[in-house]
N, C-alpha and C. Protein backbone atom coordinates (compact mmCIF):
# COMPACT_ATOMS: atom_id res chain seq x y z
N MET A 1 43.50 -50.38 107.13
CA MET A 1 42.23 -50.50 106.43
C MET A 1 42.11 -51.85 105.81
N ASP A 2 40.93 -52.07 105.20
CA ASP A 2 40.64 -53.37 104.58
C ASP A 2 41.34 -53.49 103.25
N ASP A 3 40.91 -54.54 102.55
CA ASP A 3 41.39 -54.76 101.19
C ASP A 3 40.87 -53.65 100.26
N PHE A 4 39.74 -53.16 100.59
CA PHE A 4 39.12 -52.12 99.76
C PHE A 4 39.11 -50.84 100.55
N ASP A 5 39.85 -49.87 100.07
CA ASP A 5 39.88 -48.58 100.73
C ASP A 5 38.74 -47.74 100.20
N TYR A 6 37.99 -47.23 101.10
CA TYR A 6 36.85 -46.39 100.70
C TYR A 6 37.33 -44.96 100.56
N VAL A 7 37.04 -44.37 99.38
CA VAL A 7 37.38 -42.98 99.16
C VAL A 7 36.07 -42.26 98.94
N PRO A 8 35.80 -41.22 99.69
CA PRO A 8 34.52 -40.54 99.52
C PRO A 8 34.41 -39.94 98.12
N GLY A 9 33.24 -40.11 97.44
CA GLY A 9 32.98 -39.59 96.11
C GLY A 9 33.56 -40.45 95.01
N PHE A 10 34.12 -41.58 95.36
CA PHE A 10 34.72 -42.45 94.35
C PHE A 10 33.67 -43.41 93.82
N ILE A 11 33.52 -43.38 92.48
CA ILE A 11 32.61 -44.34 91.84
C ILE A 11 33.47 -45.20 90.94
N PRO A 12 33.44 -46.48 91.14
CA PRO A 12 34.32 -47.33 90.32
C PRO A 12 33.88 -47.29 88.86
N GLY A 13 34.84 -47.11 87.96
CA GLY A 13 34.57 -47.11 86.53
C GLY A 13 34.85 -48.47 85.93
N PRO A 14 34.83 -48.56 84.58
CA PRO A 14 35.05 -49.86 83.95
C PRO A 14 36.42 -50.45 84.25
N SER A 15 37.43 -49.59 84.41
CA SER A 15 38.77 -50.14 84.67
C SER A 15 38.91 -50.58 86.13
N THR A 16 38.13 -49.98 86.99
CA THR A 16 38.23 -50.34 88.41
C THR A 16 37.01 -51.13 88.84
N SER A 17 36.37 -51.73 87.89
CA SER A 17 35.13 -52.46 88.18
C SER A 17 35.42 -53.65 89.07
N THR A 18 34.45 -53.96 89.86
CA THR A 18 34.59 -55.11 90.75
C THR A 18 33.94 -56.34 90.16
N ALA A 19 33.35 -56.18 88.92
CA ALA A 19 32.69 -57.33 88.30
C ALA A 19 33.74 -58.31 87.82
N ALA A 20 33.34 -59.53 87.73
CA ALA A 20 34.25 -60.58 87.29
C ALA A 20 34.43 -60.47 85.79
N PRO A 21 35.62 -60.70 85.28
CA PRO A 21 35.85 -60.61 83.84
C PRO A 21 35.08 -61.70 83.11
N LYS A 22 34.71 -61.38 81.84
CA LYS A 22 33.98 -62.36 81.04
C LYS A 22 34.94 -63.43 80.58
N ILE A 23 34.44 -64.62 80.60
CA ILE A 23 35.26 -65.73 80.15
C ILE A 23 34.87 -66.01 78.72
N SER A 24 35.86 -65.95 77.83
CA SER A 24 35.55 -66.22 76.43
C SER A 24 35.43 -67.71 76.23
N GLU A 25 34.65 -68.04 75.24
CA GLU A 25 34.47 -69.47 74.97
C GLU A 25 35.73 -70.03 74.37
N TYR A 26 35.98 -71.19 74.70
CA TYR A 26 37.18 -71.84 74.21
C TYR A 26 36.84 -72.58 72.93
N ASP A 27 37.66 -72.34 71.88
CA ASP A 27 37.44 -73.04 70.63
C ASP A 27 38.24 -74.34 70.66
N PHE A 28 37.49 -75.38 70.51
CA PHE A 28 38.15 -76.67 70.47
C PHE A 28 38.74 -76.88 69.09
N PRO A 29 39.81 -77.62 68.96
CA PRO A 29 40.46 -77.80 67.66
C PRO A 29 39.53 -78.37 66.59
N GLU A 30 38.60 -79.22 66.94
CA GLU A 30 37.72 -79.79 65.92
C GLU A 30 36.71 -78.75 65.41
N GLN A 31 36.46 -77.68 66.21
CA GLN A 31 35.53 -76.65 65.79
C GLN A 31 36.23 -75.57 64.94
N GLN A 32 37.52 -75.50 65.00
CA GLN A 32 38.23 -74.48 64.25
C GLN A 32 38.31 -74.87 62.78
N GLU A 33 38.22 -73.85 61.94
CA GLU A 33 38.36 -74.09 60.50
C GLU A 33 39.83 -74.27 60.20
N PRO A 34 40.10 -75.10 59.22
CA PRO A 34 41.52 -75.28 58.89
C PRO A 34 42.08 -73.99 58.30
N LYS A 35 43.30 -73.67 58.63
CA LYS A 35 43.92 -72.45 58.16
C LYS A 35 44.22 -72.59 56.67
N LYS A 36 43.90 -71.51 55.95
CA LYS A 36 44.17 -71.52 54.52
C LYS A 36 45.62 -71.15 54.30
N ARG A 37 46.16 -71.79 53.32
CA ARG A 37 47.54 -71.51 53.02
C ARG A 37 47.61 -70.24 52.18
N ARG A 38 48.45 -69.33 52.56
CA ARG A 38 48.58 -68.08 51.84
C ARG A 38 49.40 -68.29 50.59
N GLU A 39 48.86 -67.71 49.50
CA GLU A 39 49.56 -67.81 48.23
C GLU A 39 50.66 -66.74 48.21
N PRO A 40 51.77 -67.04 47.61
CA PRO A 40 52.81 -66.01 47.54
C PRO A 40 52.37 -64.89 46.59
N VAL A 41 52.78 -63.68 46.92
CA VAL A 41 52.44 -62.52 46.10
C VAL A 41 53.29 -62.56 44.84
N LYS A 42 52.58 -62.40 43.69
CA LYS A 42 53.30 -62.43 42.42
C LYS A 42 53.78 -61.01 42.13
N ARG A 43 55.03 -60.86 42.09
CA ARG A 43 55.63 -59.56 41.80
C ARG A 43 56.21 -59.60 40.40
N PRO A 44 56.11 -58.44 39.71
CA PRO A 44 56.69 -58.44 38.36
C PRO A 44 58.20 -58.61 38.43
N ALA A 45 58.69 -59.10 37.33
CA ALA A 45 60.13 -59.31 37.27
C ALA A 45 60.83 -57.96 37.34
N PRO A 46 61.93 -57.88 37.99
CA PRO A 46 62.64 -56.62 38.08
C PRO A 46 63.04 -56.13 36.69
N VAL A 47 62.89 -54.79 36.52
CA VAL A 47 63.22 -54.18 35.24
C VAL A 47 64.68 -53.74 35.29
N SER A 48 65.34 -53.96 34.19
CA SER A 48 66.76 -53.63 34.17
C SER A 48 66.93 -52.11 34.19
N PRO A 49 68.03 -51.62 34.70
CA PRO A 49 68.26 -50.18 34.78
C PRO A 49 68.28 -49.51 33.41
N VAL A 50 68.68 -50.22 32.37
CA VAL A 50 68.73 -49.64 31.03
C VAL A 50 67.31 -49.35 30.56
N ILE A 51 66.41 -50.29 30.77
CA ILE A 51 65.01 -50.09 30.36
C ILE A 51 64.39 -48.96 31.17
N GLN A 52 64.70 -48.86 32.45
CA GLN A 52 64.19 -47.76 33.27
C GLN A 52 64.67 -46.41 32.73
N LYS A 53 65.92 -46.33 32.32
CA LYS A 53 66.45 -45.08 31.77
C LYS A 53 65.77 -44.74 30.44
N ILE A 54 65.53 -45.76 29.61
CA ILE A 54 64.86 -45.53 28.33
C ILE A 54 63.45 -45.02 28.57
N LYS A 55 62.73 -45.61 29.53
CA LYS A 55 61.37 -45.15 29.85
C LYS A 55 61.40 -43.71 30.37
N ALA A 56 62.37 -43.37 31.21
CA ALA A 56 62.47 -42.01 31.74
C ALA A 56 62.75 -41.02 30.61
N ILE A 57 63.62 -41.41 29.67
CA ILE A 57 63.93 -40.54 28.53
C ILE A 57 62.69 -40.35 27.66
N ALA A 58 61.94 -41.44 27.44
CA ALA A 58 60.72 -41.35 26.62
C ALA A 58 59.70 -40.43 27.28
N VAL A 59 59.51 -40.55 28.57
CA VAL A 59 58.57 -39.69 29.29
C VAL A 59 59.02 -38.23 29.20
N ALA A 60 60.31 -38.00 29.37
CA ALA A 60 60.84 -36.63 29.28
C ALA A 60 60.65 -36.08 27.87
N ALA A 61 60.83 -36.91 26.85
CA ALA A 61 60.64 -36.46 25.47
C ALA A 61 59.19 -36.09 25.20
N VAL A 62 58.26 -36.90 25.71
CA VAL A 62 56.83 -36.60 25.53
C VAL A 62 56.47 -35.30 26.24
N VAL A 63 56.96 -35.12 27.46
CA VAL A 63 56.69 -33.90 28.21
C VAL A 63 57.27 -32.69 27.47
N CYS A 64 58.48 -32.82 26.94
CA CYS A 64 59.09 -31.72 26.18
C CYS A 64 58.28 -31.41 24.93
N ALA A 65 57.81 -32.45 24.24
CA ALA A 65 57.01 -32.23 23.03
C ALA A 65 55.71 -31.49 23.37
N VAL A 66 55.06 -31.88 24.44
CA VAL A 66 53.82 -31.21 24.86
C VAL A 66 54.10 -29.76 25.21
N LEU A 67 55.15 -29.51 25.96
CA LEU A 67 55.50 -28.14 26.35
C LEU A 67 55.87 -27.30 25.13
N PHE A 68 56.59 -27.88 24.17
CA PHE A 68 56.95 -27.16 22.96
C PHE A 68 55.70 -26.81 22.16
N THR A 69 54.77 -27.75 22.07
CA THR A 69 53.51 -27.49 21.35
C THR A 69 52.73 -26.37 22.03
N MET A 70 52.66 -26.39 23.34
CA MET A 70 51.94 -25.33 24.07
C MET A 70 52.63 -23.98 23.86
N LEU A 71 53.95 -23.95 23.93
CA LEU A 71 54.68 -22.70 23.75
C LEU A 71 54.48 -22.15 22.34
N SER A 72 54.54 -23.02 21.33
CA SER A 72 54.36 -22.55 19.95
C SER A 72 52.94 -22.06 19.73
N SER A 73 51.95 -22.69 20.35
CA SER A 73 50.57 -22.21 20.20
C SER A 73 50.40 -20.85 20.88
N ILE A 74 51.06 -20.63 22.00
CA ILE A 74 50.99 -19.33 22.68
C ILE A 74 51.63 -18.24 21.81
N ILE A 75 52.77 -18.56 21.20
CA ILE A 75 53.43 -17.59 20.32
C ILE A 75 52.54 -17.28 19.13
N TYR A 76 51.93 -18.30 18.53
CA TYR A 76 51.05 -18.09 17.38
C TYR A 76 49.85 -17.22 17.76
N LEU A 77 49.24 -17.50 18.92
CA LEU A 77 48.09 -16.71 19.36
C LEU A 77 48.48 -15.25 19.63
N ASN A 78 49.66 -15.02 20.19
CA ASN A 78 50.13 -13.64 20.41
C ASN A 78 50.32 -12.93 19.08
N LYS A 79 50.84 -13.64 18.08
CA LYS A 79 51.02 -13.05 16.76
C LYS A 79 49.66 -12.67 16.17
N MET A 80 48.67 -13.55 16.32
CA MET A 80 47.32 -13.26 15.81
C MET A 80 46.71 -12.07 16.53
N ILE A 81 46.95 -11.95 17.83
CA ILE A 81 46.42 -10.83 18.60
C ILE A 81 47.02 -9.52 18.10
N VAL A 82 48.33 -9.51 17.82
CA VAL A 82 48.98 -8.30 17.32
C VAL A 82 48.40 -7.92 15.96
N GLN A 83 48.21 -8.93 15.08
CA GLN A 83 47.63 -8.64 13.75
C GLN A 83 46.22 -8.09 13.89
N ASN A 84 45.43 -8.67 14.77
CA ASN A 84 44.05 -8.20 14.95
C ASN A 84 44.02 -6.78 15.52
N LYS A 85 44.93 -6.46 16.43
CA LYS A 85 44.99 -5.09 16.97
C LYS A 85 45.36 -4.09 15.87
N LYS A 86 46.27 -4.50 14.98
CA LYS A 86 46.66 -3.63 13.87
C LYS A 86 45.46 -3.40 12.94
N THR A 87 44.73 -4.48 12.64
CA THR A 87 43.54 -4.36 11.79
C THR A 87 42.50 -3.47 12.44
N ILE A 88 42.32 -3.62 13.74
CA ILE A 88 41.34 -2.80 14.46
C ILE A 88 41.73 -1.33 14.40
N SER A 89 43.01 -1.03 14.58
CA SER A 89 43.43 0.38 14.54
C SER A 89 43.26 0.96 13.13
N GLU A 90 43.54 0.17 12.09
CA GLU A 90 43.33 0.64 10.72
C GLU A 90 41.85 0.92 10.46
N LEU A 91 41.00 -0.02 10.89
CA LEU A 91 39.55 0.17 10.68
C LEU A 91 39.02 1.34 11.50
N SER A 92 39.57 1.55 12.68
CA SER A 92 39.15 2.70 13.49
C SER A 92 39.49 4.00 12.77
N GLY A 93 40.66 4.06 12.13
CA GLY A 93 41.03 5.24 11.35
C GLY A 93 40.07 5.46 10.18
N GLU A 94 39.71 4.37 9.50
CA GLU A 94 38.76 4.49 8.39
C GLU A 94 37.39 4.95 8.89
N ILE A 95 36.98 4.47 10.03
CA ILE A 95 35.68 4.89 10.59
C ILE A 95 35.71 6.37 10.92
N LYS A 96 36.81 6.85 11.51
CA LYS A 96 36.91 8.28 11.84
C LYS A 96 36.87 9.13 10.57
N GLN A 97 37.54 8.67 9.51
CA GLN A 97 37.51 9.40 8.25
C GLN A 97 36.09 9.44 7.68
N ALA A 98 35.40 8.29 7.73
CA ALA A 98 34.03 8.22 7.21
C ALA A 98 33.10 9.12 8.02
N GLN A 99 33.28 9.17 9.34
CA GLN A 99 32.45 10.05 10.17
C GLN A 99 32.71 11.52 9.84
N ALA A 100 33.96 11.88 9.62
CA ALA A 100 34.28 13.27 9.26
C ALA A 100 33.67 13.62 7.90
N GLU A 101 33.74 12.70 6.94
CA GLU A 101 33.13 12.92 5.63
C GLU A 101 31.61 13.05 5.75
N ASN A 102 31.02 12.23 6.62
CA ASN A 102 29.57 12.29 6.84
C ASN A 102 29.17 13.65 7.40
N ILE A 103 29.93 14.17 8.34
CA ILE A 103 29.63 15.48 8.93
C ILE A 103 29.77 16.58 7.86
N ARG A 104 30.82 16.47 7.05
CA ARG A 104 31.02 17.47 6.00
C ARG A 104 29.87 17.45 4.99
N LEU A 105 29.48 16.22 4.57
CA LEU A 105 28.38 16.12 3.59
C LEU A 105 27.05 16.58 4.18
N SER A 106 26.81 16.32 5.45
CA SER A 106 25.58 16.78 6.09
C SER A 106 25.53 18.30 6.13
N ALA A 107 26.67 18.92 6.43
CA ALA A 107 26.72 20.39 6.45
C ALA A 107 26.51 20.95 5.05
N GLU A 108 27.13 20.31 4.06
CA GLU A 108 26.96 20.76 2.67
C GLU A 108 25.51 20.60 2.22
N LEU A 109 24.88 19.51 2.59
CA LEU A 109 23.48 19.27 2.25
C LEU A 109 22.59 20.31 2.92
N GLY A 110 22.94 20.68 4.15
CA GLY A 110 22.17 21.69 4.86
C GLY A 110 22.24 23.05 4.17
N THR A 111 23.39 23.35 3.58
CA THR A 111 23.50 24.64 2.87
C THR A 111 22.83 24.59 1.50
N ILE A 112 22.79 23.41 0.88
CA ILE A 112 22.17 23.28 -0.44
C ILE A 112 20.65 23.35 -0.33
N ILE A 113 20.09 22.61 0.60
CA ILE A 113 18.64 22.52 0.72
C ILE A 113 18.17 23.42 1.86
N SER A 114 17.35 24.40 1.52
CA SER A 114 16.72 25.24 2.53
C SER A 114 15.33 25.60 2.02
N ALA A 115 14.46 26.01 2.89
CA ALA A 115 13.09 26.35 2.50
C ALA A 115 13.09 27.53 1.53
N GLU A 116 13.95 28.48 1.73
CA GLU A 116 14.01 29.66 0.85
C GLU A 116 14.46 29.27 -0.55
N LYS A 117 15.46 28.38 -0.64
CA LYS A 117 15.94 27.95 -1.95
C LYS A 117 14.86 27.14 -2.69
N ILE A 118 14.14 26.32 -1.97
CA ILE A 118 13.05 25.54 -2.60
C ILE A 118 11.96 26.48 -3.10
N ARG A 119 11.60 27.49 -2.32
CA ARG A 119 10.57 28.46 -2.71
C ARG A 119 11.02 29.23 -3.96
N ASN A 120 12.27 29.68 -3.96
CA ASN A 120 12.79 30.41 -5.12
C ASN A 120 12.80 29.54 -6.38
N TYR A 121 13.19 28.29 -6.25
CA TYR A 121 13.21 27.37 -7.40
C TYR A 121 11.80 27.14 -7.93
N ALA A 122 10.83 26.94 -7.00
CA ALA A 122 9.45 26.70 -7.42
C ALA A 122 8.88 27.90 -8.16
N VAL A 123 9.19 29.09 -7.71
CA VAL A 123 8.65 30.30 -8.35
C VAL A 123 9.37 30.57 -9.67
N SER A 124 10.70 30.52 -9.67
CA SER A 124 11.45 30.92 -10.87
C SER A 124 11.48 29.83 -11.94
N GLU A 125 11.71 28.62 -11.57
CA GLU A 125 11.87 27.55 -12.55
C GLU A 125 10.54 26.90 -12.94
N LEU A 126 9.70 26.66 -11.96
CA LEU A 126 8.46 25.93 -12.22
C LEU A 126 7.27 26.86 -12.46
N GLY A 127 7.40 28.12 -12.20
CA GLY A 127 6.32 29.07 -12.44
C GLY A 127 5.21 28.99 -11.41
N MET A 128 5.51 28.48 -10.27
CA MET A 128 4.50 28.36 -9.22
C MET A 128 4.41 29.68 -8.46
N GLN A 129 3.27 29.91 -7.80
CA GLN A 129 3.15 31.08 -6.96
C GLN A 129 2.35 30.73 -5.72
N LYS A 130 2.59 31.46 -4.69
CA LYS A 130 1.95 31.20 -3.41
C LYS A 130 0.51 31.68 -3.50
N ALA A 131 -0.40 30.89 -2.97
CA ALA A 131 -1.83 31.25 -2.99
C ALA A 131 -2.07 32.41 -2.04
N GLU A 132 -2.91 33.33 -2.47
CA GLU A 132 -3.28 34.48 -1.64
C GLU A 132 -4.52 34.12 -0.84
N ARG A 133 -4.82 34.89 0.16
CA ARG A 133 -5.95 34.58 1.04
C ARG A 133 -7.27 34.61 0.29
N TYR A 134 -7.43 35.48 -0.64
CA TYR A 134 -8.71 35.58 -1.34
C TYR A 134 -8.91 34.39 -2.29
N GLN A 135 -7.85 33.63 -2.61
CA GLN A 135 -7.97 32.49 -3.50
C GLN A 135 -8.36 31.21 -2.76
N ILE A 136 -8.36 31.23 -1.46
CA ILE A 136 -8.64 30.03 -0.66
C ILE A 136 -10.05 30.12 -0.11
N TYR A 137 -10.86 29.10 -0.36
CA TYR A 137 -12.22 29.00 0.15
C TYR A 137 -12.30 27.75 1.03
N TYR A 138 -12.99 27.87 2.12
CA TYR A 138 -13.17 26.74 3.05
C TYR A 138 -14.59 26.23 2.91
N PHE A 139 -14.76 24.97 2.83
CA PHE A 139 -16.06 24.33 2.69
C PHE A 139 -16.21 23.33 3.81
N GLU A 140 -17.31 23.43 4.55
CA GLU A 140 -17.55 22.51 5.65
C GLU A 140 -18.63 21.52 5.24
N ASP A 141 -18.35 20.28 5.43
CA ASP A 141 -19.29 19.20 5.11
C ASP A 141 -20.09 18.86 6.36
N ARG A 142 -21.21 18.14 6.17
CA ARG A 142 -22.02 17.75 7.30
C ARG A 142 -21.24 16.86 8.27
N ASP A 143 -20.37 16.06 7.72
CA ASP A 143 -19.61 15.12 8.56
C ASP A 143 -18.44 15.78 9.27
N GLY A 144 -18.23 17.04 8.99
CA GLY A 144 -17.14 17.74 9.66
C GLY A 144 -15.86 17.75 8.87
N ASP A 145 -15.81 17.18 7.66
CA ASP A 145 -14.60 17.21 6.85
C ASP A 145 -14.44 18.60 6.25
N ARG A 146 -13.22 19.04 6.09
CA ARG A 146 -12.95 20.35 5.50
C ARG A 146 -12.34 20.16 4.12
N VAL A 147 -12.78 20.94 3.19
CA VAL A 147 -12.22 20.92 1.85
C VAL A 147 -11.81 22.35 1.52
N VAL A 148 -10.61 22.51 0.98
CA VAL A 148 -10.12 23.83 0.61
C VAL A 148 -10.16 23.93 -0.91
N ILE A 149 -10.79 24.98 -1.42
CA ILE A 149 -10.90 25.17 -2.87
C ILE A 149 -10.10 26.42 -3.21
N ALA A 150 -9.18 26.31 -4.18
CA ALA A 150 -8.37 27.44 -4.60
C ALA A 150 -8.76 27.84 -6.02
N ASP A 151 -8.74 29.14 -6.33
CA ASP A 151 -9.05 29.69 -7.65
C ASP A 151 -10.44 29.31 -8.14
N GLY A 152 -11.38 29.09 -7.27
CA GLY A 152 -12.74 28.82 -7.65
C GLY A 152 -12.97 27.45 -8.26
N LYS A 153 -12.03 26.57 -8.26
CA LYS A 153 -12.22 25.22 -8.81
C LYS A 153 -13.00 24.40 -7.83
N GLN A 154 -13.91 23.59 -8.37
CA GLN A 154 -14.72 22.70 -7.53
C GLN A 154 -13.97 21.38 -7.34
N PRO A 155 -14.05 20.82 -6.13
CA PRO A 155 -13.36 19.54 -5.90
C PRO A 155 -14.11 18.43 -6.62
N ASN A 156 -13.38 17.43 -7.08
CA ASN A 156 -13.97 16.28 -7.73
C ASN A 156 -14.51 15.36 -6.65
N ILE A 157 -15.79 15.02 -6.77
CA ILE A 157 -16.43 14.20 -5.73
C ILE A 157 -15.88 12.78 -5.75
N ASN A 158 -15.48 12.25 -6.88
CA ASN A 158 -15.01 10.87 -7.00
C ASN A 158 -13.63 10.67 -6.38
N THR A 159 -12.90 11.74 -6.12
CA THR A 159 -11.55 11.55 -5.57
C THR A 159 -11.52 11.74 -4.09
């Protein structure tokens, strides 16, 4: 075969392209910018191992102090929670006692005050008596108001 073997279904891609490569422009020395001199990197002076150990100890001490403070605050808060729970249980007991006393006093009040006892007191102590049917008169006004007259007394118009 020739220099170029034909393969059916073969389409040349960019890597197998038959195009000529691009020629880059050549930079002449007079067109190039002068190279800048690189400055040396300034590094800190090495720290002595003693100073490194002191810094590590200081950091560890600060971390320990923070952890101790957090632990003591947690213990204090737990103590406050226990005290508050104790106070709550004491107050709950007082509330239950007050509710029981309230129920007892309500029952006692119910036995003291009754309609029959009030009626008996009004009749015996105050000399009151229940009005009979013949003592009650009904009066109808033009406007539809009702006035009840007992024992033949006339109502006062001004009141």
